[in-house]
Amino acid sequence: MPQHLIKLCVGAESVEDLTGWIAERMAARRKGGRPLEQVHTTRQQPKRSAEILGGGSLYWVIKGVIQCRQQIRDLRPIVDTDGIPRCEIVLEPVVHLVTPRPRGPFQGWRYLSAADAPPDLTAADAGGDLPIDMRRDLAELGLL
């Protein structure tokens, strides 16, 4: 079974914010002639890399709720310009909505077992073309 990571999406108010940031970064990389990949840098290198790279995803907590995930393509150890070791989490730039689940605050990333990971939403589950915030509110009321 794959091992997943979970992380707060700091500064994002919605999944739309996250997807907008991804689109901006992809455009900047394309314009700069750099490889088209989304990279998120963290302080710690996961010790369970083999399990994560065996199909793991990064689940994003936005506004206290696990709302979406991105498939993890690679985990690269790097050293930043200040000489501090870091980890680049290379992500598939496609965001998958998941069944919203409340999650309390934490720092950094945490492991998330496959058994504890919320399932992806289907188009029917997701409420079709409803805005993500409205879907979340309706799901909390038990209407989706």
N, C-alpha and C. Protein backbone atom coordinates (compact mmCIF):
# COMPACT_ATOMS: atom_id res chain seq x y z
N MET A 1 0.83 -1.19 0.00
CA MET A 1 0.00 0.00 0.00
C MET A 1 0.87 1.25 0.00
N PRO A 2 0.47 2.23 -0.77
CA PRO A 2 1.28 3.45 -0.80
C PRO A 2 1.17 4.24 0.50
N GLN A 3 2.19 4.97 0.77
CA GLN A 3 2.20 5.90 1.91
C GLN A 3 1.98 7.29 1.35
N HIS A 4 1.17 8.08 2.00
CA HIS A 4 0.87 9.43 1.56
C HIS A 4 1.46 10.44 2.54
N LEU A 5 1.47 11.69 2.11
CA LEU A 5 1.84 12.82 2.96
C LEU A 5 0.64 13.75 3.06
N ILE A 6 0.57 14.49 4.16
CA ILE A 6 -0.47 15.50 4.34
C ILE A 6 0.22 16.79 4.77
N LYS A 7 -0.26 17.92 4.24
CA LYS A 7 0.41 19.19 4.52
C LYS A 7 -0.62 20.31 4.46
N LEU A 8 -0.42 21.34 5.28
CA LEU A 8 -1.26 22.53 5.22
C LEU A 8 -0.91 23.31 3.95
N CYS A 9 -1.92 23.80 3.27
CA CYS A 9 -1.71 24.64 2.09
C CYS A 9 -1.78 26.09 2.57
N VAL A 10 -0.68 26.54 3.14
CA VAL A 10 -0.62 27.85 3.80
C VAL A 10 -0.88 28.97 2.80
N GLY A 11 -1.79 29.84 3.17
CA GLY A 11 -2.10 31.01 2.34
C GLY A 11 -3.24 30.79 1.37
N ALA A 12 -3.63 29.53 1.15
CA ALA A 12 -4.72 29.26 0.22
C ALA A 12 -6.05 29.39 0.95
N GLU A 13 -6.99 30.05 0.29
CA GLU A 13 -8.34 30.17 0.82
C GLU A 13 -9.25 29.10 0.24
N SER A 14 -8.82 28.50 -0.88
CA SER A 14 -9.66 27.53 -1.58
C SER A 14 -8.80 26.67 -2.49
N VAL A 15 -9.40 25.61 -3.01
CA VAL A 15 -8.71 24.77 -4.00
C VAL A 15 -8.43 25.59 -5.25
N GLU A 16 -9.34 26.52 -5.56
CA GLU A 16 -9.11 27.39 -6.72
C GLU A 16 -7.83 28.20 -6.57
N ASP A 17 -7.53 28.66 -5.34
CA ASP A 17 -6.26 29.35 -5.10
C ASP A 17 -5.09 28.44 -5.45
N LEU A 18 -5.13 27.21 -4.96
CA LEU A 18 -4.05 26.26 -5.22
C LEU A 18 -3.89 26.01 -6.71
N THR A 19 -4.99 25.75 -7.41
CA THR A 19 -4.88 25.48 -8.84
C THR A 19 -4.40 26.71 -9.61
N GLY A 20 -4.77 27.89 -9.14
CA GLY A 20 -4.27 29.12 -9.77
C GLY A 20 -2.77 29.27 -9.59
N TRP A 21 -2.28 28.97 -8.39
CA TRP A 21 -0.83 29.05 -8.13
C TRP A 21 -0.09 28.06 -9.02
N ILE A 22 -0.64 26.85 -9.13
CA ILE A 22 0.01 25.83 -9.97
C ILE A 22 0.09 26.32 -11.42
N ALA A 23 -1.02 26.87 -11.93
CA ALA A 23 -1.03 27.36 -13.31
C ALA A 23 0.00 28.48 -13.50
N GLU A 24 0.11 29.39 -12.54
CA GLU A 24 1.09 30.48 -12.64
C GLU A 24 2.52 29.92 -12.67
N ARG A 25 2.80 28.95 -11.80
CA ARG A 25 4.15 28.38 -11.75
C ARG A 25 4.47 27.59 -13.02
N MET A 26 3.49 26.88 -13.54
CA MET A 26 3.72 26.14 -14.79
C MET A 26 3.99 27.11 -15.94
N ALA A 27 3.25 28.22 -15.99
CA ALA A 27 3.46 29.22 -17.04
C ALA A 27 4.86 29.84 -16.92
N ALA A 28 5.28 30.13 -15.69
CA ALA A 28 6.61 30.71 -15.48
C ALA A 28 7.70 29.73 -15.89
N ARG A 29 7.52 28.45 -15.57
CA ARG A 29 8.52 27.44 -15.95
C ARG A 29 8.57 27.29 -17.47
N ARG A 30 7.40 27.29 -18.10
CA ARG A 30 7.33 27.17 -19.57
C ARG A 30 8.04 28.35 -20.20
N LYS A 31 7.74 29.55 -19.71
CA LYS A 31 8.35 30.78 -20.25
C LYS A 31 9.87 30.77 -20.05
N GLY A 32 10.32 30.24 -18.91
CA GLY A 32 11.74 30.20 -18.62
C GLY A 32 12.47 29.02 -19.22
N GLY A 33 11.75 28.17 -19.95
CA GLY A 33 12.39 27.01 -20.58
C GLY A 33 12.78 25.93 -19.59
N ARG A 34 12.17 25.95 -18.42
CA ARG A 34 12.48 24.95 -17.39
C ARG A 34 11.53 23.76 -17.52
N PRO A 35 11.90 22.61 -16.96
CA PRO A 35 11.02 21.44 -17.03
C PRO A 35 9.65 21.76 -16.43
N LEU A 36 8.60 21.24 -17.07
CA LEU A 36 7.24 21.48 -16.60
C LEU A 36 6.91 20.50 -15.47
N GLU A 37 7.27 20.90 -14.28
CA GLU A 37 6.96 20.12 -13.09
C GLU A 37 6.67 21.06 -11.94
N GLN A 38 5.80 20.62 -11.06
CA GLN A 38 5.51 21.41 -9.88
C GLN A 38 6.37 20.89 -8.74
N VAL A 39 7.08 21.78 -8.11
CA VAL A 39 7.98 21.40 -7.02
C VAL A 39 7.58 22.16 -5.76
N HIS A 40 7.40 21.42 -4.68
CA HIS A 40 7.12 22.02 -3.38
C HIS A 40 8.30 21.67 -2.47
N THR A 41 8.97 22.67 -1.91
CA THR A 41 10.16 22.44 -1.09
C THR A 41 9.79 22.42 0.38
N THR A 42 10.30 21.42 1.10
CA THR A 42 10.08 21.30 2.54
C THR A 42 11.42 21.15 3.25
N ARG A 43 11.38 21.22 4.56
CA ARG A 43 12.62 21.14 5.34
C ARG A 43 13.11 19.71 5.54
N GLN A 44 12.19 18.77 5.64
CA GLN A 44 12.57 17.40 5.99
C GLN A 44 12.39 16.44 4.81
N GLN A 45 13.32 15.52 4.67
CA GLN A 45 13.23 14.46 3.66
C GLN A 45 12.48 13.29 4.30
N PRO A 46 11.38 12.82 3.70
CA PRO A 46 10.68 11.66 4.26
C PRO A 46 11.58 10.43 4.28
N LYS A 47 11.54 9.69 5.37
CA LYS A 47 12.35 8.48 5.51
C LYS A 47 11.70 7.31 4.75
N ARG A 48 10.40 7.39 4.51
CA ARG A 48 9.67 6.31 3.86
C ARG A 48 9.47 6.59 2.37
N SER A 49 10.52 7.08 1.74
CA SER A 49 10.47 7.50 0.34
C SER A 49 9.99 6.40 -0.60
N ALA A 50 10.47 5.18 -0.42
CA ALA A 50 10.10 4.09 -1.32
C ALA A 50 8.60 3.85 -1.29
N GLU A 51 8.00 3.90 -0.10
CA GLU A 51 6.55 3.69 0.01
C GLU A 51 5.78 4.85 -0.62
N ILE A 52 6.29 6.06 -0.44
CA ILE A 52 5.63 7.25 -0.99
C ILE A 52 5.69 7.22 -2.51
N LEU A 53 6.86 6.86 -3.04
CA LEU A 53 7.03 6.84 -4.50
C LEU A 53 6.33 5.65 -5.15
N GLY A 54 5.77 4.77 -4.35
CA GLY A 54 5.02 3.63 -4.86
C GLY A 54 3.54 3.96 -5.03
N GLY A 55 3.21 5.20 -5.35
CA GLY A 55 1.82 5.58 -5.60
C GLY A 55 1.24 6.57 -4.60
N GLY A 56 2.10 7.20 -3.80
CA GLY A 56 1.63 8.14 -2.79
C GLY A 56 1.23 9.50 -3.36
N SER A 57 0.44 10.20 -2.59
CA SER A 57 -0.01 11.55 -2.94
C SER A 57 0.25 12.50 -1.78
N LEU A 58 0.24 13.78 -2.10
CA LEU A 58 0.28 14.83 -1.08
C LEU A 58 -1.15 15.34 -0.94
N TYR A 59 -1.71 15.18 0.26
CA TYR A 59 -3.06 15.65 0.56
C TYR A 59 -2.94 17.04 1.16
N TRP A 60 -3.71 17.98 0.61
CA TRP A 60 -3.66 19.36 1.04
C TRP A 60 -4.80 19.69 2.00
N VAL A 61 -4.44 20.32 3.13
CA VAL A 61 -5.42 20.83 4.09
C VAL A 61 -5.58 22.31 3.81
N ILE A 62 -6.80 22.70 3.45
CA ILE A 62 -7.10 24.10 3.15
C ILE A 62 -8.22 24.54 4.08
N LYS A 63 -7.96 25.60 4.84
CA LYS A 63 -8.96 26.13 5.77
C LYS A 63 -9.46 25.06 6.75
N GLY A 64 -8.54 24.22 7.25
CA GLY A 64 -8.87 23.22 8.25
C GLY A 64 -9.57 21.98 7.74
N VAL A 65 -9.58 21.78 6.41
CA VAL A 65 -10.25 20.63 5.82
C VAL A 65 -9.35 20.01 4.75
N ILE A 66 -9.18 18.68 4.79
CA ILE A 66 -8.49 18.00 3.70
C ILE A 66 -9.42 18.11 2.50
N GLN A 67 -8.95 18.75 1.41
CA GLN A 67 -9.83 19.02 0.29
C GLN A 67 -9.38 18.42 -1.04
N CYS A 68 -8.07 18.18 -1.17
CA CYS A 68 -7.59 17.70 -2.47
C CYS A 68 -6.25 17.01 -2.29
N ARG A 69 -5.80 16.41 -3.38
CA ARG A 69 -4.50 15.73 -3.36
C ARG A 69 -3.83 15.88 -4.71
N GLN A 70 -2.51 15.68 -4.68
CA GLN A 70 -1.72 15.63 -5.90
C GLN A 70 -0.80 14.42 -5.81
N GLN A 71 -0.67 13.70 -6.92
CA GLN A 71 0.21 12.53 -6.97
C GLN A 71 1.66 12.99 -6.82
N ILE A 72 2.44 12.26 -6.05
CA ILE A 72 3.86 12.56 -5.87
C ILE A 72 4.66 11.81 -6.93
N ARG A 73 5.45 12.56 -7.71
CA ARG A 73 6.28 11.97 -8.76
C ARG A 73 7.68 11.62 -8.27
N ASP A 74 8.23 12.47 -7.38
CA ASP A 74 9.61 12.26 -6.94
C ASP A 74 9.85 13.00 -5.63
N LEU A 75 10.87 12.57 -4.90
CA LEU A 75 11.35 13.24 -3.69
C LEU A 75 12.84 13.45 -3.88
N ARG A 76 13.26 14.72 -3.96
CA ARG A 76 14.66 15.03 -4.25
C ARG A 76 15.31 15.74 -3.08
N PRO A 77 16.36 15.16 -2.53
CA PRO A 77 17.12 15.91 -1.52
C PRO A 77 17.94 17.00 -2.20
N ILE A 78 17.91 18.19 -1.65
CA ILE A 78 18.68 19.31 -2.20
C ILE A 78 19.33 20.06 -1.04
N VAL A 79 20.21 20.96 -1.39
CA VAL A 79 20.79 21.89 -0.42
C VAL A 79 20.48 23.28 -0.96
N ASP A 80 19.84 24.12 -0.13
CA ASP A 80 19.45 25.44 -0.61
C ASP A 80 20.65 26.39 -0.66
N THR A 81 20.42 27.62 -1.06
CA THR A 81 21.51 28.59 -1.25
C THR A 81 22.20 28.95 0.07
N ASP A 82 21.54 28.69 1.21
CA ASP A 82 22.14 28.94 2.52
C ASP A 82 22.86 27.71 3.07
N GLY A 83 22.92 26.64 2.26
CA GLY A 83 23.60 25.42 2.69
C GLY A 83 22.74 24.52 3.57
N ILE A 84 21.43 24.75 3.62
CA ILE A 84 20.54 23.98 4.47
C ILE A 84 19.90 22.85 3.65
N PRO A 85 19.99 21.61 4.16
CA PRO A 85 19.35 20.49 3.44
C PRO A 85 17.83 20.66 3.41
N ARG A 86 17.25 20.35 2.27
CA ARG A 86 15.80 20.44 2.06
C ARG A 86 15.35 19.25 1.22
N CYS A 87 14.05 19.16 1.00
CA CYS A 87 13.49 18.13 0.13
C CYS A 87 12.54 18.78 -0.86
N GLU A 88 12.75 18.48 -2.13
CA GLU A 88 11.81 18.91 -3.16
C GLU A 88 10.81 17.77 -3.39
N ILE A 89 9.54 18.07 -3.17
CA ILE A 89 8.48 17.12 -3.48
C ILE A 89 7.99 17.49 -4.87
N VAL A 90 8.22 16.62 -5.83
CA VAL A 90 7.80 16.86 -7.20
C VAL A 90 6.39 16.28 -7.35
N LEU A 91 5.46 17.14 -7.75
CA LEU A 91 4.05 16.77 -7.79
C LEU A 91 3.50 16.78 -9.21
N GLU A 92 2.58 15.87 -9.47
CA GLU A 92 1.80 15.93 -10.70
C GLU A 92 0.97 17.21 -10.60
N PRO A 93 0.97 18.08 -11.61
CA PRO A 93 0.27 19.35 -11.48
C PRO A 93 -1.25 19.26 -11.56
N VAL A 94 -1.79 18.05 -11.55
CA VAL A 94 -3.24 17.84 -11.57
C VAL A 94 -3.74 17.69 -10.14
N VAL A 95 -4.78 18.45 -9.79
CA VAL A 95 -5.36 18.42 -8.44
C VAL A 95 -6.62 17.56 -8.48
N HIS A 96 -6.68 16.58 -7.58
CA HIS A 96 -7.84 15.69 -7.46
C HIS A 96 -8.61 16.06 -6.20
N LEU A 97 -9.89 16.35 -6.34
CA LEU A 97 -10.72 16.64 -5.18
C LEU A 97 -10.98 15.35 -4.41
N VAL A 98 -10.99 15.46 -3.09
CA VAL A 98 -11.27 14.31 -2.23
C VAL A 98 -12.48 14.63 -1.34
N THR A 99 -13.02 13.60 -0.74
CA THR A 99 -14.12 13.80 0.20
C THR A 99 -13.62 14.70 1.32
N PRO A 100 -14.23 15.86 1.52
CA PRO A 100 -13.73 16.79 2.54
C PRO A 100 -13.73 16.15 3.92
N ARG A 101 -12.64 16.37 4.65
CA ARG A 101 -12.52 15.82 6.00
C ARG A 101 -11.80 16.84 6.88
N PRO A 102 -12.39 17.21 8.00
CA PRO A 102 -11.72 18.18 8.90
C PRO A 102 -10.37 17.65 9.36
N ARG A 103 -9.44 18.57 9.54
CA ARG A 103 -8.10 18.20 10.04
C ARG A 103 -7.57 19.38 10.84
N GLY A 104 -7.18 19.10 12.06
CA GLY A 104 -6.65 20.14 12.93
C GLY A 104 -5.28 20.62 12.47
N PRO A 105 -4.82 21.73 13.06
CA PRO A 105 -3.54 22.31 12.65
C PRO A 105 -2.34 21.44 13.05
N PHE A 106 -1.28 21.56 12.27
CA PHE A 106 -0.01 20.90 12.54
C PHE A 106 1.05 21.63 11.76
N GLN A 107 2.30 21.35 12.05
CA GLN A 107 3.40 22.01 11.33
C GLN A 107 4.07 21.02 10.40
N GLY A 108 4.57 21.53 9.30
CA GLY A 108 5.29 20.69 8.35
C GLY A 108 4.36 19.72 7.66
N TRP A 109 4.88 18.56 7.30
CA TRP A 109 4.06 17.51 6.70
C TRP A 109 4.00 16.35 7.68
N ARG A 110 3.04 15.49 7.45
CA ARG A 110 2.89 14.27 8.25
C ARG A 110 2.61 13.12 7.29
N TYR A 111 2.91 11.91 7.74
CA TYR A 111 2.53 10.73 6.98
C TYR A 111 1.02 10.54 7.10
N LEU A 112 0.42 10.01 6.05
CA LEU A 112 -1.00 9.70 6.03
C LEU A 112 -1.14 8.32 5.40
N SER A 113 -1.62 7.36 6.18
CA SER A 113 -1.74 6.01 5.64
C SER A 113 -2.85 5.95 4.59
N ALA A 114 -2.74 4.98 3.71
CA ALA A 114 -3.76 4.80 2.67
C ALA A 114 -5.12 4.55 3.31
N ALA A 115 -5.14 3.84 4.44
CA ALA A 115 -6.41 3.54 5.11
C ALA A 115 -7.07 4.81 5.67
N ASP A 116 -6.27 5.80 6.03
CA ASP A 116 -6.80 7.04 6.60
C ASP A 116 -7.03 8.14 5.57
N ALA A 117 -6.61 7.92 4.34
CA ALA A 117 -6.74 8.94 3.30
C ALA A 117 -8.18 9.02 2.81
N PRO A 118 -8.71 10.24 2.68
CA PRO A 118 -10.08 10.35 2.16
C PRO A 118 -10.13 9.96 0.69
N PRO A 119 -11.24 9.34 0.27
CA PRO A 119 -11.34 8.92 -1.14
C PRO A 119 -11.55 10.11 -2.07
N ASP A 120 -11.18 9.90 -3.32
CA ASP A 120 -11.42 10.91 -4.35
C ASP A 120 -12.92 11.08 -4.55
N LEU A 121 -13.29 12.29 -4.94
CA LEU A 121 -14.68 12.56 -5.29
C LEU A 121 -14.90 12.23 -6.76
N THR A 122 -16.01 11.63 -7.06
CA THR A 122 -16.40 11.45 -8.45
C THR A 122 -17.11 12.74 -8.88
N ALA A 123 -17.39 12.89 -10.16
CA ALA A 123 -18.10 14.08 -10.64
C ALA A 123 -19.45 14.21 -9.94
N ALA A 124 -20.15 13.09 -9.74
CA ALA A 124 -21.45 13.13 -9.07
C ALA A 124 -21.29 13.53 -7.60
N ASP A 125 -20.26 12.97 -6.93
CA ASP A 125 -20.01 13.31 -5.53
C ASP A 125 -19.65 14.77 -5.36
N ALA A 126 -18.93 15.30 -6.35
CA ALA A 126 -18.39 16.65 -6.25
C ALA A 126 -19.43 17.73 -6.46
N GLY A 127 -20.64 17.36 -6.84
CA GLY A 127 -21.67 18.37 -7.02
C GLY A 127 -21.59 19.06 -8.37
N GLY A 128 -21.02 18.38 -9.36
CA GLY A 128 -20.97 18.94 -10.71
C GLY A 128 -20.17 20.23 -10.79
N ASP A 129 -20.81 21.29 -11.25
CA ASP A 129 -20.13 22.55 -11.47
C ASP A 129 -20.25 23.52 -10.30
N LEU A 130 -20.67 23.05 -9.15
CA LEU A 130 -20.77 23.93 -7.98
C LEU A 130 -19.39 24.41 -7.56
N PRO A 131 -19.28 25.64 -7.07
CA PRO A 131 -17.99 26.11 -6.54
C PRO A 131 -17.55 25.22 -5.37
N ILE A 132 -16.25 25.06 -5.23
CA ILE A 132 -15.70 24.16 -4.22
C ILE A 132 -16.16 24.54 -2.82
N ASP A 133 -16.19 25.85 -2.50
CA ASP A 133 -16.63 26.26 -1.17
C ASP A 133 -18.07 25.84 -0.91
N MET A 134 -18.93 25.97 -1.92
CA MET A 134 -20.32 25.57 -1.77
C MET A 134 -20.43 24.06 -1.60
N ARG A 135 -19.63 23.29 -2.36
CA ARG A 135 -19.63 21.84 -2.21
C ARG A 135 -19.24 21.44 -0.80
N ARG A 136 -18.20 22.11 -0.27
CA ARG A 136 -17.74 21.80 1.09
C ARG A 136 -18.85 22.08 2.09
N ASP A 137 -19.52 23.23 1.95
CA ASP A 137 -20.59 23.58 2.88
C ASP A 137 -21.74 22.59 2.78
N LEU A 138 -22.12 22.21 1.57
CA LEU A 138 -23.20 21.24 1.39
C LEU A 138 -22.81 19.87 1.94
N ALA A 139 -21.55 19.49 1.77
CA ALA A 139 -21.09 18.20 2.31
C ALA A 139 -21.13 18.22 3.83
N GLU A 140 -20.75 19.34 4.44
CA GLU A 140 -20.81 19.43 5.91
C GLU A 140 -22.24 19.32 6.43
N LEU A 141 -23.20 19.77 5.61
CA LEU A 141 -24.62 19.67 5.99
C LEU A 141 -25.20 18.29 5.64
N GLY A 142 -24.40 17.44 5.00
CA GLY A 142 -24.86 16.13 4.63
C GLY A 142 -25.72 16.12 3.39
N LEU A 143 -25.64 17.17 2.59
CA LEU A 143 -26.46 17.28 1.39
C LEU A 143 -25.75 16.80 0.13
N LEU A 144 -24.48 16.51 0.22
CA LEU A 144 -23.71 15.93 -0.90
C LEU A 144 -23.08 14.64 -0.45
